[in-house]
């Protein structure tokens, strides 16, 4: 699997952390177009976002599942001057947290996804080795429901991460399996090699209208 060559449209001039929210009332004002990243705990979400932003550790990467407890916002300026906010959602499906804590996280994520007026796209991240799980199906169903605010229809992008962990002979097979289960196109991605970075940026730009 080769590394994708970045185009000027996916080059990053600047990227920075701007805010974090542990409750809906703490969300920053909805001033810029946003794309959100959601997935099960330890699915490689932070690594994917750092790869997109051409940074090693801007988005916190933890070896401990369930570590992220807030919605975090990162402002990015792209090579052509376009601006976009990338939003890191808490990982779901981590059983060691208390039931109350997991319920609070679910309410926070759902409230953001349903009620954020500037949200234009959601990247649903799947570990290609594990395939689509029950929590992932719940997320896709939520994203297909009408929002609680007036905004353009959300674009849902399914991305299968950790593609480099599979032998080349199995990659296409597993991607097709995820595609069939999700009922949506699937983009393969590897934060380790950068494979899929440029195609994902192209889709994010299109969804955000930039």
C-alpha atoms as a PDB file:
ATOM      1  CA  UNK A   1       0.000   0.000   0.000  1.00  0.00           C
ATOM      2  CA  UNK A   2       1.547   3.265  -1.129  1.00  0.00           C
ATOM      3  CA  UNK A   3       1.362   6.670   0.503  1.00  0.00           C
ATOM      4  CA  UNK A   4      -1.009   9.085  -1.213  1.00  0.00           C
ATOM      5  CA  UNK A   5       0.635  12.242  -2.509  1.00  0.00           C
ATOM      6  CA  UNK A   6      -0.942  15.325  -0.953  1.00  0.00           C
ATOM      7  CA  UNK A   7      -2.361  17.916  -3.342  1.00  0.00           C
ATOM      8  CA  UNK A   8      -2.362  21.685  -2.762  1.00  0.00           C
ATOM      9  CA  UNK A   9      -6.031  21.376  -1.788  1.00  0.00           C
ATOM     10  CA  UNK A  10      -5.132  19.138   1.162  1.00  0.00           C
ATOM     11  CA  UNK A  11      -2.023  21.052   2.251  1.00  0.00           C
ATOM     12  CA  UNK A  12      -2.297  22.613   5.713  1.00  0.00           C
ATOM     13  CA  UNK A  13      -1.099  26.168   6.313  1.00  0.00           C
ATOM     14  CA  UNK A  14      -2.116  26.243   9.941  1.00  0.00           C
ATOM     15  CA  UNK A  15      -3.968  24.085  12.461  1.00  0.00           C
ATOM     16  CA  UNK A  16      -4.719  24.799  16.092  1.00  0.00           C
ATOM     17  CA  UNK A  17      -6.859  23.738  19.018  1.00  0.00           C
ATOM     18  CA  UNK A  18      -9.583  26.300  19.722  1.00  0.00           C
ATOM     19  CA  UNK A  19     -12.028  24.902  22.307  1.00  0.00           C
ATOM     20  CA  UNK A  20     -13.293  21.896  24.248  1.00  0.00           C
ATOM     21  CA  UNK A  21     -16.734  21.228  25.696  1.00  0.00           C
ATOM     22  CA  UNK A  22     -17.830  18.654  28.272  1.00  0.00           C
ATOM     23  CA  UNK A  23     -21.488  19.730  28.036  1.00  0.00           C
ATOM     24  CA  UNK A  24     -23.724  21.195  25.353  1.00  0.00           C
ATOM     25  CA  UNK A  25     -23.807  24.517  27.194  1.00  0.00           C
ATOM     26  CA  UNK A  26     -20.018  24.764  26.837  1.00  0.00           C
ATOM     27  CA  UNK A  27     -19.951  24.506  23.037  1.00  0.00           C
ATOM     28  CA  UNK A  28     -18.270  27.467  21.326  1.00  0.00           C
ATOM     29  CA  UNK A  29     -20.456  29.750  19.170  1.00  0.00           C
ATOM     30  CA  UNK A  30     -21.312  28.123  15.804  1.00  0.00           C
ATOM     31  CA  UNK A  31     -19.413  30.535  13.581  1.00  0.00           C
ATOM     32  CA  UNK A  32     -17.511  28.323  11.121  1.00  0.00           C
ATOM     33  CA  UNK A  33     -18.352  25.313   8.977  1.00  0.00           C
ATOM     34  CA  UNK A  34     -17.616  22.102  10.914  1.00  0.00           C
ATOM     35  CA  UNK A  35     -16.934  18.461  10.095  1.00  0.00           C
ATOM     36  CA  UNK A  36     -17.061  15.970  12.948  1.00  0.00           C
ATOM     37  CA  UNK A  37     -15.218  12.699  13.509  1.00  0.00           C
ATOM     38  CA  UNK A  38     -16.935   9.896  15.402  1.00  0.00           C
ATOM     39  CA  UNK A  39     -16.042   6.303  16.176  1.00  0.00           C
ATOM     40  CA  UNK A  40     -15.664   3.649  18.815  1.00  0.00           C
ATOM     41  CA  UNK A  41     -12.976   4.072  21.431  1.00  0.00           C
ATOM     42  CA  UNK A  42      -9.485   3.175  20.191  1.00  0.00           C
ATOM     43  CA  UNK A  43     -10.540   3.068  16.544  1.00  0.00           C
ATOM     44  CA  UNK A  44      -7.757   5.411  15.452  1.00  0.00           C
ATOM     45  CA  UNK A  45      -9.789   8.621  15.326  1.00  0.00           C
ATOM     46  CA  UNK A  46      -7.140  10.912  16.808  1.00  0.00           C
ATOM     47  CA  UNK A  47      -4.427   9.460  14.586  1.00  0.00           C
ATOM     48  CA  UNK A  48      -6.609   9.989  11.521  1.00  0.00           C
ATOM     49  CA  UNK A  49      -7.261  13.625  12.456  1.00  0.00           C
ATOM     50  CA  UNK A  50      -3.572  14.312  13.126  1.00  0.00           C
ATOM     51  CA  UNK A  51      -2.774  12.812   9.731  1.00  0.00           C
ATOM     52  CA  UNK A  52      -5.346  15.059   8.039  1.00  0.00           C
ATOM     53  CA  UNK A  53      -3.958  18.104   9.836  1.00  0.00           C
ATOM     54  CA  UNK A  54      -0.321  17.168   9.114  1.00  0.00           C
ATOM     55  CA  UNK A  55       0.443  17.233  12.831  1.00  0.00           C
ATOM     56  CA  UNK A  56       1.914  14.557  15.072  1.00  0.00           C
ATOM     57  CA  UNK A  57       0.106  15.261  18.314  1.00  0.00           C
ATOM     58  CA  UNK A  58      -2.301  18.189  17.953  1.00  0.00           C
ATOM     59  CA  UNK A  59      -5.247  15.872  18.541  1.00  0.00           C
ATOM     60  CA  UNK A  60      -4.567  13.865  21.664  1.00  0.00           C
ATOM     61  CA  UNK A  61      -3.766  10.207  21.018  1.00  0.00           C
ATOM     62  CA  UNK A  62      -4.130   7.817  23.938  1.00  0.00           C
ATOM     63  CA  UNK A  63      -3.456   4.113  24.255  1.00  0.00           C
ATOM     64  CA  UNK A  64      -6.184   4.002  26.903  1.00  0.00           C
ATOM     65  CA  UNK A  65      -9.656   3.563  25.354  1.00  0.00           C
ATOM     66  CA  UNK A  66     -12.345   5.959  26.541  1.00  0.00           C
ATOM     67  CA  UNK A  67      -9.850   8.657  27.497  1.00  0.00           C
ATOM     68  CA  UNK A  68     -11.443  11.472  25.468  1.00  0.00           C
ATOM     69  CA  UNK A  69     -14.366  12.937  27.425  1.00  0.00           C
ATOM     70  CA  UNK A  70     -14.970  16.229  25.644  1.00  0.00           C
ATOM     71  CA  UNK A  71     -15.887  17.533  22.217  1.00  0.00           C
ATOM     72  CA  UNK A  72     -12.759  19.250  20.911  1.00  0.00           C
ATOM     73  CA  UNK A  73     -12.585  21.829  18.113  1.00  0.00           C
ATOM     74  CA  UNK A  74      -9.601  22.372  15.809  1.00  0.00           C
ATOM     75  CA  UNK A  75      -9.370  25.202  13.296  1.00  0.00           C
ATOM     76  CA  UNK A  76      -7.598  24.422  10.021  1.00  0.00           C
ATOM     77  CA  UNK A  77      -6.459  26.734   7.232  1.00  0.00           C
ATOM     78  CA  UNK A  78      -5.832  24.852   4.017  1.00  0.00           C
ATOM     79  CA  UNK A  79      -3.323  25.491   1.282  1.00  0.00           C
ATOM     80  CA  UNK A  80      -5.662  27.647  -0.786  1.00  0.00           C
ATOM     81  CA  UNK A  81      -6.769  29.712   2.222  1.00  0.00           C
ATOM     82  CA  UNK A  82     -10.009  27.792   2.856  1.00  0.00           C
ATOM     83  CA  UNK A  83     -10.915  27.410   6.507  1.00  0.00           C
ATOM     84  CA  UNK A  84     -12.647  24.537   8.242  1.00  0.00           C
ATOM     85  CA  UNK A  85     -13.214  23.382  11.810  1.00  0.00           C
ATOM     86  CA  UNK A  86     -12.542  19.716  12.591  1.00  0.00           C
ATOM     87  CA  UNK A  87     -14.441  18.388  15.583  1.00  0.00           C
ATOM     88  CA  UNK A  88     -13.236  15.436  17.657  1.00  0.00           C
ATOM     89  CA  UNK A  89     -16.131  13.627  19.345  1.00  0.00           C
ATOM     90  CA  UNK A  90     -15.659  11.354  22.394  1.00  0.00           C
ATOM     91  CA  UNK A  91     -15.200   7.700  21.502  1.00  0.00           C
ATOM     92  CA  UNK A  92     -18.263   5.571  22.172  1.00  0.00           C
ATOM     93  CA  UNK A  93     -18.748   1.971  23.202  1.00  0.00           C
ATOM     94  CA  UNK A  94     -16.204   1.800  26.044  1.00  0.00           C
ATOM     95  CA  UNK A  95     -17.740  -0.417  28.717  1.00  0.00           C
ATOM     96  CA  UNK A  96     -15.422   0.295  31.655  1.00  0.00           C
ATOM     97  CA  UNK A  97     -16.903   3.729  32.262  1.00  0.00           C
ATOM     98  CA  UNK A  98     -19.946   3.904  34.502  1.00  0.00           C
ATOM     99  CA  UNK A  99     -23.382   3.632  32.943  1.00  0.00           C
ATOM    100  CA  UNK A 100     -24.146   7.215  33.952  1.00  0.00           C
ATOM    101  CA  UNK A 101     -20.937   8.495  32.374  1.00  0.00           C
ATOM    102  CA  UNK A 102     -21.551   6.615  29.139  1.00  0.00           C
ATOM    103  CA  UNK A 103     -25.111   7.948  29.070  1.00  0.00           C
ATOM    104  CA  UNK A 104     -23.827  11.508  29.534  1.00  0.00           C
ATOM    105  CA  UNK A 105     -21.350  11.042  26.675  1.00  0.00           C
ATOM    106  CA  UNK A 106     -24.110   9.686  24.430  1.00  0.00           C
ATOM    107  CA  UNK A 107     -26.321  12.681  25.213  1.00  0.00           C
ATOM    108  CA  UNK A 108     -23.461  15.079  24.508  1.00  0.00           C
ATOM    109  CA  UNK A 109     -22.627  13.463  21.154  1.00  0.00           C
ATOM    110  CA  UNK A 110     -26.271  13.159  20.088  1.00  0.00           C
ATOM    111  CA  UNK A 111     -27.073  16.717  21.122  1.00  0.00           C
ATOM    112  CA  UNK A 112     -24.164  18.039  19.090  1.00  0.00           C
ATOM    113  CA  UNK A 113     -24.928  15.960  15.996  1.00  0.00           C
ATOM    114  CA  UNK A 114     -28.632  16.779  15.975  1.00  0.00           C
ATOM    115  CA  UNK A 115     -28.461  20.416  17.037  1.00  0.00           C
ATOM    116  CA  UNK A 116     -25.290  21.982  15.590  1.00  0.00           C
ATOM    117  CA  UNK A 117     -26.276  24.402  12.823  1.00  0.00           C
ATOM    118  CA  UNK A 118     -22.778  24.690  11.323  1.00  0.00           C
ATOM    119  CA  UNK A 119     -22.190  20.929  11.058  1.00  0.00           C
ATOM    120  CA  UNK A 120     -21.957  19.795   7.445  1.00  0.00           C
ATOM    121  CA  UNK A 121     -20.377  16.336   7.507  1.00  0.00           C
ATOM    122  CA  UNK A 122     -19.622  13.485   9.876  1.00  0.00           C
ATOM    123  CA  UNK A 123     -16.819  11.004   9.346  1.00  0.00           C
ATOM    124  CA  UNK A 124     -17.910   7.669  10.816  1.00  0.00           C
ATOM    125  CA  UNK A 125     -14.683   5.801  11.557  1.00  0.00           C
ATOM    126  CA  UNK A 126     -14.608   2.001  11.510  1.00  0.00           C
ATOM    127  CA  UNK A 127     -11.683  -0.284  12.336  1.00  0.00           C
ATOM    128  CA  UNK A 128     -11.439  -2.289   9.117  1.00  0.00           C
ATOM    129  CA  UNK A 129     -10.367  -5.369  11.085  1.00  0.00           C
ATOM    130  CA  UNK A 130     -13.488  -5.336  13.280  1.00  0.00           C
ATOM    131  CA  UNK A 131     -16.027  -4.203  10.749  1.00  0.00           C
ATOM    132  CA  UNK A 132     -19.310  -2.458  11.498  1.00  0.00           C
ATOM    133  CA  UNK A 133     -20.475  -3.032  15.081  1.00  0.00           C
ATOM    134  CA  UNK A 134     -23.769  -2.301  16.850  1.00  0.00           C
ATOM    135  CA  UNK A 135     -22.666   1.120  18.102  1.00  0.00           C
ATOM    136  CA  UNK A 136     -21.564   2.054  14.590  1.00  0.00           C
ATOM    137  CA  UNK A 137     -24.979   1.111  13.219  1.00  0.00           C
ATOM    138  CA  UNK A 138     -26.620   3.261  15.884  1.00  0.00           C
ATOM    139  CA  UNK A 139     -24.466   6.212  14.811  1.00  0.00           C
ATOM    140  CA  UNK A 140     -25.354   5.799  11.139  1.00  0.00           C
ATOM    141  CA  UNK A 141     -29.056   5.607  12.025  1.00  0.00           C
ATOM    142  CA  UNK A 142     -28.756   8.771  14.116  1.00  0.00           C
ATOM    143  CA  UNK A 143     -27.057  10.621  11.270  1.00  0.00           C
ATOM    144  CA  UNK A 144     -29.907   9.628   8.930  1.00  0.00           C
ATOM    145  CA  UNK A 145     -32.594  11.148  11.198  1.00  0.00           C
ATOM    146  CA  UNK A 146     -33.882  14.706  10.661  1.00  0.00           C
ATOM    147  CA  UNK A 147     -31.915  17.293  12.668  1.00  0.00           C
ATOM    148  CA  UNK A 148     -33.371  19.475  15.363  1.00  0.00           C
ATOM    149  CA  UNK A 149     -32.274  22.668  13.605  1.00  0.00           C
ATOM    150  CA  UNK A 150     -32.453  24.163  10.130  1.00  0.00           C
ATOM    151  CA  UNK A 151     -29.320  23.258   8.175  1.00  0.00           C
ATOM    152  CA  UNK A 152     -28.291  21.529   4.917  1.00  0.00           C
ATOM    153  CA  UNK A 153     -28.476  17.714   4.943  1.00  0.00           C
ATOM    154  CA  UNK A 154     -25.458  16.104   6.600  1.00  0.00           C
ATOM    155  CA  UNK A 155     -22.945  14.214   4.508  1.00  0.00           C
ATOM    156  CA  UNK A 156     -21.952  10.931   6.146  1.00  0.00           C
ATOM    157  CA  UNK A 157     -18.511   9.623   5.189  1.00  0.00           C
ATOM    158  CA  UNK A 158     -17.611   6.101   6.288  1.00  0.00           C
ATOM    159  CA  UNK A 159     -13.867   5.627   6.682  1.00  0.00           C
ATOM    160  CA  UNK A 160     -12.244   2.277   7.451  1.00  0.00           C
ATOM    161  CA  UNK A 161      -9.010   2.885   9.346  1.00  0.00           C
ATOM    162  CA  UNK A 162      -5.912   0.799  10.061  1.00  0.00           C
ATOM    163  CA  UNK A 163      -5.838  -0.528   6.525  1.00  0.00           C
ATOM    164  CA  UNK A 164      -2.087  -1.047   6.841  1.00  0.00           C
ATOM    165  CA  UNK A 165      -2.733  -3.700   9.491  1.00  0.00           C
ATOM    166  CA  UNK A 166      -4.175  -6.022   6.855  1.00  0.00           C
ATOM    167  CA  UNK A 167      -2.294  -7.914   4.139  1.00  0.00           C
ATOM    168  CA  UNK A 168      -2.766  -6.316   0.738  1.00  0.00           C
ATOM    169  CA  UNK A 169      -4.682  -9.387  -0.422  1.00  0.00           C
ATOM    170  CA  UNK A 170      -7.373  -8.824   2.244  1.00  0.00           C
ATOM    171  CA  UNK A 171      -7.796  -5.065   2.075  1.00  0.00           C
ATOM    172  CA  UNK A 172     -10.296  -4.941  -0.785  1.00  0.00           C
ATOM    173  CA  UNK A 173     -12.294  -7.816   0.685  1.00  0.00           C
ATOM    174  CA  UNK A 174     -12.621  -6.182   4.109  1.00  0.00           C
ATOM    175  CA  UNK A 175     -13.461  -2.786   2.645  1.00  0.00           C
ATOM    176  CA  UNK A 176     -16.222  -4.372   0.611  1.00  0.00           C
ATOM    177  CA  UNK A 177     -17.530  -6.079   3.740  1.00  0.00           C
ATOM    178  CA  UNK A 178     -17.745  -2.757   5.593  1.00  0.00           C
ATOM    179  CA  UNK A 179     -19.387  -1.122   2.562  1.00  0.00           C
ATOM    180  CA  UNK A 180     -22.049  -3.821   2.384  1.00  0.00           C
ATOM    181  CA  UNK A 181     -22.783  -3.612   6.113  1.00  0.00           C
ATOM    182  CA  UNK A 182     -22.959   0.197   6.145  1.00  0.00           C
ATOM    183  CA  UNK A 183     -24.909   0.576   2.924  1.00  0.00           C
ATOM    184  CA  UNK A 184     -22.662   3.511   2.052  1.00  0.00           C
ATOM    185  CA  UNK A 185     -19.421   4.049   0.123  1.00  0.00           C
ATOM    186  CA  UNK A 186     -16.336   3.360   2.230  1.00  0.00           C
ATOM    187  CA  UNK A 187     -12.936   5.001   2.030  1.00  0.00           C
ATOM    188  CA  UNK A 188      -9.898   3.047   3.204  1.00  0.00           C
ATOM    189  CA  UNK A 189      -7.415   4.955   5.349  1.00  0.00           C
ATOM    190  CA  UNK A 190      -4.083   4.457   7.072  1.00  0.00           C
ATOM    191  CA  UNK A 191      -2.745   7.110   9.420  1.00  0.00           C
ATOM    192  CA  UNK A 192       0.541   5.213   9.421  1.00  0.00           C
ATOM    193  CA  UNK A 193       1.187   5.578   5.682  1.00  0.00           C
ATOM    194  CA  UNK A 194      -1.101   8.483   4.809  1.00  0.00           C
ATOM    195  CA  UNK A 195      -3.077   6.323   2.404  1.00  0.00           C
ATOM    196  CA  UNK A 196      -6.522   7.829   1.815  1.00  0.00           C
ATOM    197  CA  UNK A 197      -5.640  11.273   3.171  1.00  0.00           C
ATOM    198  CA  UNK A 198      -6.036  13.235  -0.058  1.00  0.00           C
ATOM    199  CA  UNK A 199      -9.274  11.482  -1.172  1.00  0.00           C
ATOM    200  CA  UNK A 200     -10.785  12.126   2.270  1.00  0.00           C
ATOM    201  CA  UNK A 201      -9.842  15.811   2.127  1.00  0.00           C
ATOM    202  CA  UNK A 202     -11.495  16.096  -1.287  1.00  0.00           C
ATOM    203  CA  UNK A 203     -14.715  14.662   0.103  1.00  0.00           C
ATOM    204  CA  UNK A 204     -14.580  16.868   3.193  1.00  0.00           C
ATOM    205  CA  UNK A 205     -14.105  19.968   1.069  1.00  0.00           C
ATOM    206  CA  UNK A 206     -17.022  19.019  -1.152  1.00  0.00           C
ATOM    207  CA  UNK A 207     -19.272  18.347   1.844  1.00  0.00           C
ATOM    208  CA  UNK A 208     -18.271  21.650   3.458  1.00  0.00           C
ATOM    209  CA  UNK A 209     -18.737  23.570   0.221  1.00  0.00           C
ATOM    210  CA  UNK A 210     -15.163  24.893   0.055  1.00  0.00           C
END
